[in-house]
Amino acid sequence: MVDLRLPRTRHYNVTPRQPKGDGKLAINRPDFRNEALFDFSKPDVKQSMLDALAHVESRLGEEYKMVIDGKRIGAASAFVSRNPSNWDQTVSVFPKAGAAEAVQAVEA
């Protein structure tokens, strides 16, 4: 019969280290506040939102180039950013930078 038990491990008496100070992590950031709500029953507020959505929609599918040393450069291949809730809708197209473009950017 084969013994399938795991070998025993040594147990060490280790005292956990205590954090320095009060142990709290200091993060400097403004207090969280929810965005103010818009009242879309007001015609001017509703129209502003519709205008903003129309502006964004007019830019869907735009193709962008990378900027290296102040010059706009395309690439042999690109990746497509899609709307996750409507996969058929292209949000934008960006170039895929390769090693040559990375070298150019570092040297710029």
PDB file of N, CA and C in Angstrom:
ATOM      1  N   MET A   1       0.843  -1.172   0.000  1.00  0.00           N
ATOM      2  CA  MET A   1       0.000   0.000   0.000  1.00  0.00           C
ATOM      3  C   MET A   1       0.894   1.242   0.000  1.00  0.00           C
ATOM      4  N   VAL A   2       0.493   2.253  -0.803  1.00  0.00           N
ATOM      5  CA  VAL A   2       1.272   3.484  -0.923  1.00  0.00           C
ATOM      6  C   VAL A   2       0.699   4.538   0.010  1.00  0.00           C
ATOM      7  N   ASP A   3       1.584   5.243   0.711  1.00  0.00           N
ATOM      8  CA  ASP A   3       1.163   6.311   1.615  1.00  0.00           C
ATOM      9  C   ASP A   3       0.961   7.587   0.794  1.00  0.00           C
ATOM     10  N   LEU A   4      -0.269   8.055   0.655  1.00  0.00           N
ATOM     11  CA  LEU A   4      -0.579   9.230  -0.152  1.00  0.00           C
ATOM     12  C   LEU A   4      -0.664  10.510   0.666  1.00  0.00           C
ATOM     13  N   ARG A   5      -0.338  10.421   1.934  1.00  0.00           N
ATOM     14  CA  ARG A   5      -0.391  11.623   2.757  1.00  0.00           C
ATOM     15  C   ARG A   5       0.752  12.557   2.387  1.00  0.00           C
ATOM     16  N   LEU A   6       0.495  13.860   2.540  1.00  0.00           N
ATOM     17  CA  LEU A   6       1.541  14.847   2.291  1.00  0.00           C
ATOM     18  C   LEU A   6       2.550  14.816   3.419  1.00  0.00           C
ATOM     19  N   PRO A   7       3.807  15.110   3.108  1.00  0.00           N
ATOM     20  CA  PRO A   7       4.795  15.129   4.182  1.00  0.00           C
ATOM     21  C   PRO A   7       4.473  16.230   5.184  1.00  0.00           C
ATOM     22  N   ARG A   8       4.847  16.017   6.411  1.00  0.00           N
ATOM     23  CA  ARG A   8       4.592  17.018   7.449  1.00  0.00           C
ATOM     24  C   ARG A   8       5.497  18.214   7.215  1.00  0.00           C
ATOM     25  N   THR A   9       4.961  19.371   7.468  1.00  0.00           N
ATOM     26  CA  THR A   9       5.768  20.583   7.343  1.00  0.00           C
ATOM     27  C   THR A   9       6.168  21.055   8.722  1.00  0.00           C
ATOM     28  N   ARG A  10       7.254  21.783   8.767  1.00  0.00           N
ATOM     29  CA  ARG A  10       7.698  22.334  10.042  1.00  0.00           C
ATOM     30  C   ARG A  10       6.851  23.544  10.375  1.00  0.00           C
ATOM     31  N   HIS A  11       6.571  23.701  11.613  1.00  0.00           N
ATOM     32  CA  HIS A  11       5.829  24.868  12.072  1.00  0.00           C
ATOM     33  C   HIS A  11       6.783  25.746  12.856  1.00  0.00           C
ATOM     34  N   TYR A  12       6.845  26.994  12.464  1.00  0.00           N
ATOM     35  CA  TYR A  12       7.728  27.935  13.135  1.00  0.00           C
ATOM     36  C   TYR A  12       6.896  28.888  13.974  1.00  0.00           C
ATOM     37  N   ASN A  13       7.433  29.265  15.088  1.00  0.00           N
ATOM     38  CA  ASN A  13       6.781  30.273  15.913  1.00  0.00           C
ATOM     39  C   ASN A  13       7.193  31.642  15.374  1.00  0.00           C
ATOM     40  N   VAL A  14       6.321  32.252  14.632  1.00  0.00           N
ATOM     41  CA  VAL A  14       6.613  33.542  14.016  1.00  0.00           C
ATOM     42  C   VAL A  14       5.650  34.569  14.575  1.00  0.00           C
ATOM     43  N   THR A  15       6.203  35.669  15.006  1.00  0.00           N
ATOM     44  CA  THR A  15       5.370  36.765  15.485  1.00  0.00           C
ATOM     45  C   THR A  15       5.130  37.711  14.318  1.00  0.00           C
ATOM     46  N   PRO A  16       3.878  37.961  13.961  1.00  0.00           N
ATOM     47  CA  PRO A  16       3.624  38.859  12.834  1.00  0.00           C
ATOM     48  C   PRO A  16       4.129  40.259  13.134  1.00  0.00           C
ATOM     49  N   ARG A  17       4.660  40.905  12.083  1.00  0.00           N
ATOM     50  CA  ARG A  17       5.143  42.275  12.247  1.00  0.00           C
ATOM     51  C   ARG A  17       3.972  43.223  12.391  1.00  0.00           C
ATOM     52  N   GLN A  18       4.168  44.220  13.184  1.00  0.00           N
ATOM     53  CA  GLN A  18       3.143  45.244  13.378  1.00  0.00           C
ATOM     54  C   GLN A  18       3.429  46.407  12.435  1.00  0.00           C
ATOM     55  N   PRO A  19       2.387  47.006  11.866  1.00  0.00           N
ATOM     56  CA  PRO A  19       2.622  48.142  10.974  1.00  0.00           C
ATOM     57  C   PRO A  19       3.181  49.325  11.743  1.00  0.00           C
ATOM     58  N   LYS A  20       3.972  50.135  11.029  1.00  0.00           N
ATOM     59  CA  LYS A  20       4.502  51.349  11.633  1.00  0.00           C
ATOM     60  C   LYS A  20       3.397  52.390  11.677  1.00  0.00           C
ATOM     61  N   GLY A  21       3.438  53.251  12.650  1.00  0.00           N
ATOM     62  CA  GLY A  21       2.421  54.294  12.756  1.00  0.00           C
ATOM     63  C   GLY A  21       1.086  53.680  13.116  1.00  0.00           C
ATOM     64  N   ASP A  22       0.024  54.268  12.576  1.00  0.00           N
ATOM     65  CA  ASP A  22      -1.314  53.757  12.894  1.00  0.00           C
ATOM     66  C   ASP A  22      -1.758  52.666  11.925  1.00  0.00           C
ATOM     67  N   GLY A  23      -0.912  52.352  10.926  1.00  0.00           N
ATOM     68  CA  GLY A  23      -1.223  51.289   9.991  1.00  0.00           C
ATOM     69  C   GLY A  23      -2.211  51.662   8.914  1.00  0.00           C
ATOM     70  N   LYS A  24      -2.588  52.935   8.843  1.00  0.00           N
ATOM     71  CA  LYS A  24      -3.542  53.371   7.828  1.00  0.00           C
ATOM     72  C   LYS A  24      -2.794  53.868   6.601  1.00  0.00           C
ATOM     73  N   LEU A  25      -3.326  53.566   5.456  1.00  0.00           N
ATOM     74  CA  LEU A  25      -2.747  54.006   4.197  1.00  0.00           C
ATOM     75  C   LEU A  25      -3.236  55.415   3.895  1.00  0.00           C
ATOM     76  N   ALA A  26      -2.305  56.319   3.642  1.00  0.00           N
ATOM     77  CA  ALA A  26      -2.677  57.710   3.359  1.00  0.00           C
ATOM     78  C   ALA A  26      -2.809  57.905   1.855  1.00  0.00           C
ATOM     79  N   ILE A  27      -3.985  58.260   1.410  1.00  0.00           N
ATOM     80  CA  ILE A  27      -4.234  58.543  -0.002  1.00  0.00           C
ATOM     81  C   ILE A  27      -4.818  59.940  -0.083  1.00  0.00           C
ATOM     82  N   ASN A  28      -4.175  60.768  -0.869  1.00  0.00           N
ATOM     83  CA  ASN A  28      -4.664  62.135  -1.032  1.00  0.00           C
ATOM     84  C   ASN A  28      -5.580  62.197  -2.244  1.00  0.00           C
ATOM     85  N   ARG A  29      -6.833  62.288  -2.013  1.00  0.00           N
ATOM     86  CA  ARG A  29      -7.802  62.426  -3.097  1.00  0.00           C
ATOM     87  C   ARG A  29      -9.031  63.129  -2.538  1.00  0.00           C
ATOM     88  N   PRO A  30      -9.766  63.793  -3.418  1.00  0.00           N
ATOM     89  CA  PRO A  30     -10.956  64.491  -2.927  1.00  0.00           C
ATOM     90  C   PRO A  30     -12.025  63.499  -2.481  1.00  0.00           C
ATOM     91  N   ASP A  31     -12.883  63.952  -1.612  1.00  0.00           N
ATOM     92  CA  ASP A  31     -13.989  63.111  -1.168  1.00  0.00           C
ATOM     93  C   ASP A  31     -14.883  62.755  -2.343  1.00  0.00           C
ATOM     94  N   PHE A  32     -15.431  61.543  -2.326  1.00  0.00           N
ATOM     95  CA  PHE A  32     -16.327  61.104  -3.395  1.00  0.00           C
ATOM     96  C   PHE A  32     -17.648  61.848  -3.301  1.00  0.00           C
ATOM     97  N   ARG A  33     -18.108  62.307  -4.445  1.00  0.00           N
ATOM     98  CA  ARG A  33     -19.429  62.932  -4.523  1.00  0.00           C
ATOM     99  C   ARG A  33     -20.104  62.447  -5.807  1.00  0.00           C
ATOM    100  N   ASN A  34     -21.365  62.100  -5.711  1.00  0.00           N
ATOM    101  CA  ASN A  34     -22.111  61.712  -6.902  1.00  0.00           C
ATOM    102  C   ASN A  34     -22.280  62.912  -7.818  1.00  0.00           C
ATOM    103  N   GLU A  35     -22.365  62.628  -9.111  1.00  0.00           N
ATOM    104  CA  GLU A  35     -22.633  63.688 -10.083  1.00  0.00           C
ATOM    105  C   GLU A  35     -24.013  64.274  -9.818  1.00  0.00           C
ATOM    106  N   ALA A  36     -24.128  65.547 -10.085  1.00  0.00           N
ATOM    107  CA  ALA A  36     -25.445  66.181  -9.963  1.00  0.00           C
ATOM    108  C   ALA A  36     -26.372  65.566 -11.010  1.00  0.00           C
ATOM    109  N   LEU A  37     -27.599  65.326 -10.637  1.00  0.00           N
ATOM    110  CA  LEU A  37     -28.566  64.745 -11.564  1.00  0.00           C
ATOM    111  C   LEU A  37     -29.113  65.826 -12.490  1.00  0.00           C
ATOM    112  N   PHE A  38     -29.403  65.426 -13.705  1.00  0.00           N
ATOM    113  CA  PHE A  38     -30.005  66.342 -14.667  1.00  0.00           C
ATOM    114  C   PHE A  38     -31.499  66.077 -14.730  1.00  0.00           C
ATOM    115  N   ASP A  39     -32.251  67.112 -14.882  1.00  0.00           N
ATOM    116  CA  ASP A  39     -33.703  66.999 -14.985  1.00  0.00           C
ATOM    117  C   ASP A  39     -34.066  67.010 -16.465  1.00  0.00           C
ATOM    118  N   PHE A  40     -34.222  65.812 -17.038  1.00  0.00           N
ATOM    119  CA  PHE A  40     -34.488  65.705 -18.472  1.00  0.00           C
ATOM    120  C   PHE A  40     -35.921  66.061 -18.837  1.00  0.00           C
ATOM    121  N   SER A  41     -36.733  66.413 -17.862  1.00  0.00           N
ATOM    122  CA  SER A  41     -38.070  66.913 -18.194  1.00  0.00           C
ATOM    123  C   SER A  41     -37.989  68.365 -18.675  1.00  0.00           C
ATOM    124  N   LYS A  42     -36.857  69.020 -18.426  1.00  0.00           N
ATOM    125  CA  LYS A  42     -36.656  70.390 -18.915  1.00  0.00           C
ATOM    126  C   LYS A  42     -36.158  70.313 -20.354  1.00  0.00           C
ATOM    127  N   PRO A  43     -36.852  70.970 -21.283  1.00  0.00           N
ATOM    128  CA  PRO A  43     -36.505  70.856 -22.703  1.00  0.00           C
ATOM    129  C   PRO A  43     -35.063  71.238 -23.035  1.00  0.00           C
ATOM    130  N   ASP A  44     -34.518  72.274 -22.401  1.00  0.00           N
ATOM    131  CA  ASP A  44     -33.153  72.684 -22.728  1.00  0.00           C
ATOM    132  C   ASP A  44     -32.121  71.655 -22.254  1.00  0.00           C
ATOM    133  N   VAL A  45     -32.369  71.030 -21.117  1.00  0.00           N
ATOM    134  CA  VAL A  45     -31.463  69.996 -20.606  1.00  0.00           C
ATOM    135  C   VAL A  45     -31.526  68.770 -21.511  1.00  0.00           C
ATOM    136  N   LYS A  46     -32.736  68.369 -21.883  1.00  0.00           N
ATOM    137  CA  LYS A  46     -32.915  67.215 -22.767  1.00  0.00           C
ATOM    138  C   LYS A  46     -32.237  67.464 -24.107  1.00  0.00           C
ATOM    139  N   GLN A  47     -32.410  68.663 -24.666  1.00  0.00           N
ATOM    140  CA  GLN A  47     -31.818  68.975 -25.967  1.00  0.00           C
ATOM    141  C   GLN A  47     -30.290  68.984 -25.893  1.00  0.00           C
ATOM    142  N   SER A  48     -29.742  69.481 -24.790  1.00  0.00           N
ATOM    143  CA  SER A  48     -28.286  69.480 -24.618  1.00  0.00           C
ATOM    144  C   SER A  48     -27.740  68.057 -24.636  1.00  0.00           C
ATOM    145  N   MET A  49     -28.438  67.146 -23.968  1.00  0.00           N
ATOM    146  CA  MET A  49     -27.999  65.752 -23.954  1.00  0.00           C
ATOM    147  C   MET A  49     -28.119  65.133 -25.342  1.00  0.00           C
ATOM    148  N   LEU A  50     -29.217  65.396 -26.037  1.00  0.00           N
ATOM    149  CA  LEU A  50     -29.389  64.863 -27.391  1.00  0.00           C
ATOM    150  C   LEU A  50     -28.313  65.398 -28.326  1.00  0.00           C
ATOM    151  N   ASP A  51     -27.950  66.670 -28.177  1.00  0.00           N
ATOM    152  CA  ASP A  51     -26.884  67.258 -28.996  1.00  0.00           C
ATOM    153  C   ASP A  51     -25.541  66.586 -28.703  1.00  0.00           C
ATOM    154  N   ALA A  52     -25.267  66.355 -27.420  1.00  0.00           N
ATOM    155  CA  ALA A  52     -24.011  65.705 -27.036  1.00  0.00           C
ATOM    156  C   ALA A  52     -23.945  64.283 -27.588  1.00  0.00           C
ATOM    157  N   LEU A  53     -25.043  63.544 -27.503  1.00  0.00           N
ATOM    158  CA  LEU A  53     -25.076  62.182 -28.038  1.00  0.00           C
ATOM    159  C   LEU A  53     -24.908  62.173 -29.551  1.00  0.00           C
ATOM    160  N   ALA A  54     -25.518  63.134 -30.233  1.00  0.00           N
ATOM    161  CA  ALA A  54     -25.380  63.230 -31.690  1.00  0.00           C
ATOM    162  C   ALA A  54     -23.932  63.526 -32.070  1.00  0.00           C
ATOM    163  N   HIS A  55     -23.278  64.383 -31.289  1.00  0.00           N
ATOM    164  CA  HIS A  55     -21.872  64.703 -31.562  1.00  0.00           C
ATOM    165  C   HIS A  55     -20.997  63.457 -31.423  1.00  0.00           C
ATOM    166  N   VAL A  56     -21.201  62.708 -30.345  1.00  0.00           N
ATOM    167  CA  VAL A  56     -20.426  61.483 -30.135  1.00  0.00           C
ATOM    168  C   VAL A  56     -20.715  60.484 -31.245  1.00  0.00           C
ATOM    169  N   GLU A  57     -21.977  60.323 -31.599  1.00  0.00           N
ATOM    170  CA  GLU A  57     -22.355  59.373 -32.647  1.00  0.00           C
ATOM    171  C   GLU A  57     -21.727  59.740 -33.987  1.00  0.00           C
ATOM    172  N   SER A  58     -21.583  61.033 -34.263  1.00  0.00           N
ATOM    173  CA  SER A  58     -20.993  61.465 -35.536  1.00  0.00           C
ATOM    174  C   SER A  58     -19.513  61.104 -35.630  1.00  0.00           C
ATOM    175  N   ARG A  59     -18.881  60.848 -34.494  1.00  0.00           N
ATOM    176  CA  ARG A  59     -17.452  60.527 -34.483  1.00  0.00           C
ATOM    177  C   ARG A  59     -17.180  59.026 -34.370  1.00  0.00           C
ATOM    178  N   LEU A  60     -18.221  58.212 -34.267  1.00  0.00           N
ATOM    179  CA  LEU A  60     -18.026  56.768 -34.163  1.00  0.00           C
ATOM    180  C   LEU A  60     -17.339  56.244 -35.416  1.00  0.00           C
ATOM    181  N   GLY A  61     -16.399  55.331 -35.226  1.00  0.00           N
ATOM    182  CA  GLY A  61     -15.708  54.707 -36.344  1.00  0.00           C
ATOM    183  C   GLY A  61     -14.511  55.486 -36.857  1.00  0.00           C
ATOM    184  N   GLU A  62     -14.186  56.614 -36.235  1.00  0.00           N
ATOM    185  CA  GLU A  62     -13.036  57.397 -36.696  1.00  0.00           C
ATOM    186  C   GLU A  62     -11.762  56.573 -36.588  1.00  0.00           C
ATOM    187  N   GLU A  63     -10.867  56.803 -37.555  1.00  0.00           N
ATOM    188  CA  GLU A  63      -9.565  56.144 -37.540  1.00  0.00           C
ATOM    189  C   GLU A  63      -8.522  57.147 -37.083  1.00  0.00           C
ATOM    190  N   TYR A  64      -7.687  56.731 -36.159  1.00  0.00           N
ATOM    191  CA  TYR A  64      -6.662  57.600 -35.596  1.00  0.00           C
ATOM    192  C   TYR A  64      -5.284  57.094 -35.985  1.00  0.00           C
ATOM    193  N   LYS A  65      -4.313  57.992 -35.965  1.00  0.00           N
ATOM    194  CA  LYS A  65      -2.924  57.616 -36.206  1.00  0.00           C
ATOM    195  C   LYS A  65      -2.144  57.868 -34.929  1.00  0.00           C
ATOM    196  N   MET A  66      -1.020  57.166 -34.796  1.00  0.00           N
ATOM    197  CA  MET A  66      -0.167  57.431 -33.639  1.00  0.00           C
ATOM    198  C   MET A  66       0.675  58.669 -33.928  1.00  0.00           C
ATOM    199  N   VAL A  67       1.111  59.331 -32.891  1.00  0.00           N
ATOM    200  CA  VAL A  67       1.940  60.522 -33.042  1.00  0.00           C
ATOM    201  C   VAL A  67       3.315  60.200 -32.478  1.00  0.00           C
ATOM    202  N   ILE A  68       4.319  60.251 -33.364  1.00  0.00           N
ATOM    203  CA  ILE A  68       5.699  60.016 -32.957  1.00  0.00           C
ATOM    204  C   ILE A  68       6.517  61.203 -33.427  1.00  0.00           C
ATOM    205  N   ASP A  69       7.187  61.847 -32.509  1.00  0.00           N
ATOM    206  CA  ASP A  69       8.017  63.018 -32.798  1.00  0.00           C
ATOM    207  C   ASP A  69       7.213  64.102 -33.512  1.00  0.00           C
ATOM    208  N   GLY A  70       5.968  64.267 -33.094  1.00  0.00           N
ATOM    209  CA  GLY A  70       5.120  65.313 -33.655  1.00  0.00           C
ATOM    210  C   GLY A  70       4.508  64.979 -35.006  1.00  0.00           C
ATOM    211  N   LYS A  71       4.765  63.780 -35.526  1.00  0.00           N
ATOM    212  CA  LYS A  71       4.230  63.381 -36.838  1.00  0.00           C
ATOM    213  C   LYS A  71       3.176  62.306 -36.654  1.00  0.00           C
ATOM    214  N   ARG A  72       2.105  62.421 -37.418  1.00  0.00           N
ATOM    215  CA  ARG A  72       1.048  61.401 -37.390  1.00  0.00           C
ATOM    216  C   ARG A  72       1.460  60.269 -38.322  1.00  0.00           C
ATOM    217  N   ILE A  73       1.483  59.057 -37.765  1.00  0.00           N
ATOM    218  CA  ILE A  73       1.978  57.900 -38.503  1.00  0.00           C
ATOM    219  C   ILE A  73       0.957  56.773 -38.426  1.00  0.00           C
ATOM    220  N   GLY A  74       0.725  56.136 -39.556  1.00  0.00           N
ATOM    221  CA  GLY A  74      -0.147  54.965 -39.592  1.00  0.00           C
ATOM    222  C   GLY A  74       0.668  53.711 -39.294  1.00  0.00           C
ATOM    223  N   ALA A  75       0.048  52.576 -39.392  1.00  0.00           N
ATOM    224  CA  ALA A  75       0.731  51.299 -39.173  1.00  0.00           C
ATOM    225  C   ALA A  75       0.180  50.281 -40.152  1.00  0.00           C
ATOM    226  N   ALA A  76       0.923  49.187 -40.312  1.00  0.00           N
ATOM    227  CA  ALA A  76       0.503  48.137 -41.238  1.00  0.00           C
ATOM    228  C   ALA A  76      -0.786  47.467 -40.782  1.00  0.00           C
ATOM    229  N   SER A  77      -0.995  47.424 -39.472  1.00  0.00           N
ATOM    230  CA  SER A  77      -2.225  46.818 -38.966  1.00  0.00           C
ATOM    231  C   SER A  77      -2.830  47.718 -37.899  1.00  0.00           C
ATOM    232  N   ALA A  78      -4.078  47.439 -37.584  1.00  0.00           N
ATOM    233  CA  ALA A  78      -4.794  48.275 -36.620  1.00  0.00           C
ATOM    234  C   ALA A  78      -5.664  47.398 -35.734  1.00  0.00           C
ATOM    235  N   PHE A  79      -6.089  47.962 -34.627  1.00  0.00           N
ATOM    236  CA  PHE A  79      -7.070  47.256 -33.811  1.00  0.00           C
ATOM    237  C   PHE A  79      -8.324  48.106 -33.712  1.00  0.00           C
ATOM    238  N   VAL A  80      -9.437  47.426 -33.603  1.00  0.00           N
ATOM    239  CA  VAL A  80     -10.742  48.071 -33.624  1.00  0.00           C
ATOM    240  C   VAL A  80     -11.325  48.063 -32.217  1.00  0.00           C
ATOM    241  N   SER A  81     -11.730  49.229 -31.755  1.00  0.00           N
ATOM    242  CA  SER A  81     -12.418  49.348 -30.473  1.00  0.00           C
ATOM    243  C   SER A  81     -13.914  49.275 -30.755  1.00  0.00           C
ATOM    244  N   ARG A  82     -14.596  48.335 -30.100  1.00  0.00           N
ATOM    245  CA  ARG A  82     -16.020  48.125 -30.364  1.00  0.00           C
ATOM    246  C   ARG A  82     -16.866  48.468 -29.144  1.00  0.00           C
ATOM    247  N   ASN A  83     -18.101  48.803 -29.415  1.00  0.00           N
ATOM    248  CA  ASN A  83     -19.067  49.064 -28.357  1.00  0.00           C
ATOM    249  C   ASN A  83     -19.405  47.719 -27.705  1.00  0.00           C
ATOM    250  N   PRO A  84     -19.123  47.536 -26.414  1.00  0.00           N
ATOM    251  CA  PRO A  84     -19.383  46.235 -25.792  1.00  0.00           C
ATOM    252  C   PRO A  84     -20.856  45.856 -25.740  1.00  0.00           C
ATOM    253  N   SER A  85     -21.748  46.831 -25.812  1.00  0.00           N
ATOM    254  CA  SER A  85     -23.173  46.494 -25.783  1.00  0.00           C
ATOM    255  C   SER A  85     -23.756  46.345 -27.182  1.00  0.00           C
ATOM    256  N   ASN A  86     -22.974  46.708 -28.204  1.00  0.00           N
ATOM    257  CA  ASN A  86     -23.394  46.531 -29.596  1.00  0.00           C
ATOM    258  C   ASN A  86     -22.134  46.242 -30.401  1.00  0.00           C
ATOM    259  N   TRP A  87     -21.727  44.978 -30.426  1.00  0.00           N
ATOM    260  CA  TRP A  87     -20.454  44.572 -31.002  1.00  0.00           C
ATOM    261  C   TRP A  87     -20.312  44.960 -32.475  1.00  0.00           C
ATOM    262  N   ASP A  88     -21.395  45.151 -33.175  1.00  0.00           N
ATOM    263  CA  ASP A  88     -21.328  45.547 -34.584  1.00  0.00           C
ATOM    264  C   ASP A  88     -20.947  47.017 -34.749  1.00  0.00           C
ATOM    265  N   GLN A  89     -21.005  47.785 -33.683  1.00  0.00           N
ATOM    266  CA  GLN A  89     -20.715  49.216 -33.757  1.00  0.00           C
ATOM    267  C   GLN A  89     -19.239  49.470 -33.424  1.00  0.00           C
ATOM    268  N   THR A  90     -18.520  50.032 -34.403  1.00  0.00           N
ATOM    269  CA  THR A  90     -17.122  50.382 -34.192  1.00  0.00           C
ATOM    270  C   THR A  90     -17.044  51.735 -33.508  1.00  0.00           C
ATOM    271  N   VAL A  91     -16.326  51.801 -32.403  1.00  0.00           N
ATOM    272  CA  VAL A  91     -16.140  53.060 -31.693  1.00  0.00           C
ATOM    273  C   VAL A  91     -15.008  53.834 -32.351  1.00  0.00           C
ATOM    274  N   SER A  92     -13.862  53.181 -32.554  1.00  0.00           N
ATOM    275  CA  SER A  92     -12.727  53.816 -33.218  1.00  0.00           C
ATOM    276  C   SER A  92     -11.735  52.757 -33.663  1.00  0.00           C
ATOM    277  N   VAL A  93     -10.791  53.189 -34.504  1.00  0.00           N
ATOM    278  CA  VAL A  93      -9.764  52.297 -35.029  1.00  0.00           C
ATOM    279  C   VAL A  93      -8.406  52.932 -34.728  1.00  0.00           C
ATOM    280  N   PHE A  94      -7.514  52.151 -34.111  1.00  0.00           N
ATOM    281  CA  PHE A  94      -6.195  52.642 -33.728  1.00  0.00           C
ATOM    282  C   PHE A  94      -5.110  51.785 -34.365  1.00  0.00           C
ATOM    283  N   PRO A  95      -3.969  52.381 -34.717  1.00  0.00           N
ATOM    284  CA  PRO A  95      -2.876  51.589 -35.287  1.00  0.00           C
ATOM    285  C   PRO A  95      -2.215  50.709 -34.232  1.00  0.00           C
ATOM    286  N   LYS A  96      -1.739  49.546 -34.672  1.00  0.00           N
ATOM    287  CA  LYS A  96      -0.966  48.667 -33.793  1.00  0.00           C
ATOM    288  C   LYS A  96       0.506  49.005 -34.011  1.00  0.00           C
ATOM    289  N   ALA A  97       1.132  49.543 -33.002  1.00  0.00           N
ATOM    290  CA  ALA A  97       2.549  49.881 -33.104  1.00  0.00           C
ATOM    291  C   ALA A  97       3.381  48.618 -32.951  1.00  0.00           C
ATOM    292  N   GLY A  98       4.440  48.546 -33.712  1.00  0.00           N
ATOM    293  CA  GLY A  98       5.361  47.427 -33.616  1.00  0.00           C
ATOM    294  C   GLY A  98       6.679  47.873 -33.007  1.00  0.00           C
ATOM    295  N   ALA A  99       7.672  47.004 -33.087  1.00  0.00           N
ATOM    296  CA  ALA A  99       8.985  47.304 -32.510  1.00  0.00           C
ATOM    297  C   ALA A  99       9.612  48.530 -33.168  1.00  0.00           C
ATOM    298  N   ALA A 100       9.470  48.657 -34.481  1.00  0.00           N
ATOM    299  CA  ALA A 100      10.074  49.796 -35.186  1.00  0.00           C
ATOM    300  C   ALA A 100       9.487  51.113 -34.691  1.00  0.00           C
ATOM    301  N   GLU A 101       8.173  51.149 -34.489  1.00  0.00           N
ATOM    302  CA  GLU A 101       7.531  52.369 -33.995  1.00  0.00           C
ATOM    303  C   GLU A 101       7.944  52.654 -32.552  1.00  0.00           C
ATOM    304  N   ALA A 102       8.126  51.607 -31.777  1.00  0.00           N
ATOM    305  CA  ALA A 102       8.567  51.792 -30.391  1.00  0.00           C
ATOM    306  C   ALA A 102       9.965  52.399 -30.351  1.00  0.00           C
ATOM    307  N   VAL A 103      10.853  51.918 -31.209  1.00  0.00           N
ATOM    308  CA  VAL A 103      12.208  52.474 -31.280  1.00  0.00           C
ATOM    309  C   VAL A 103      12.146  53.935 -31.697  1.00  0.00           C
ATOM    310  N   GLN A 104      11.333  54.237 -32.718  1.00  0.00           N
ATOM    311  CA  GLN A 104      11.175  55.630 -33.160  1.00  0.00           C
ATOM    312  C   GLN A 104      10.703  56.514 -32.012  1.00  0.00           C
ATOM    313  N   ALA A 105       9.737  56.049 -31.261  1.00  0.00           N
ATOM    314  CA  ALA A 105       9.179  56.846 -30.171  1.00  0.00           C
ATOM    315  C   ALA A 105      10.211  57.078 -29.073  1.00  0.00           C
ATOM    316  N   VAL A 106      10.986  56.062 -28.748  1.00  0.00           N
ATOM    317  CA  VAL A 106      11.998  56.206 -27.703  1.00  0.00           C
ATOM    318  C   VAL A 106      13.100  57.158 -28.158  1.00  0.00           C
ATOM    319  N   GLU A 107      13.463  57.084 -29.425  1.00  0.00           N
ATOM    320  CA  GLU A 107      14.523  57.947 -29.949  1.00  0.00           C
ATOM    321  C   GLU A 107      14.059  59.380 -30.169  1.00  0.00           C
ATOM    322  N   ALA A 108      12.763  59.602 -30.220  1.00  0.00           N
ATOM    323  CA  ALA A 108      12.249  60.956 -30.506  1.00  0.00           C
ATOM    324  C   ALA A 108      12.472  61.905 -29.349  1.00  0.00           C
TER     325      ALA A 108
END
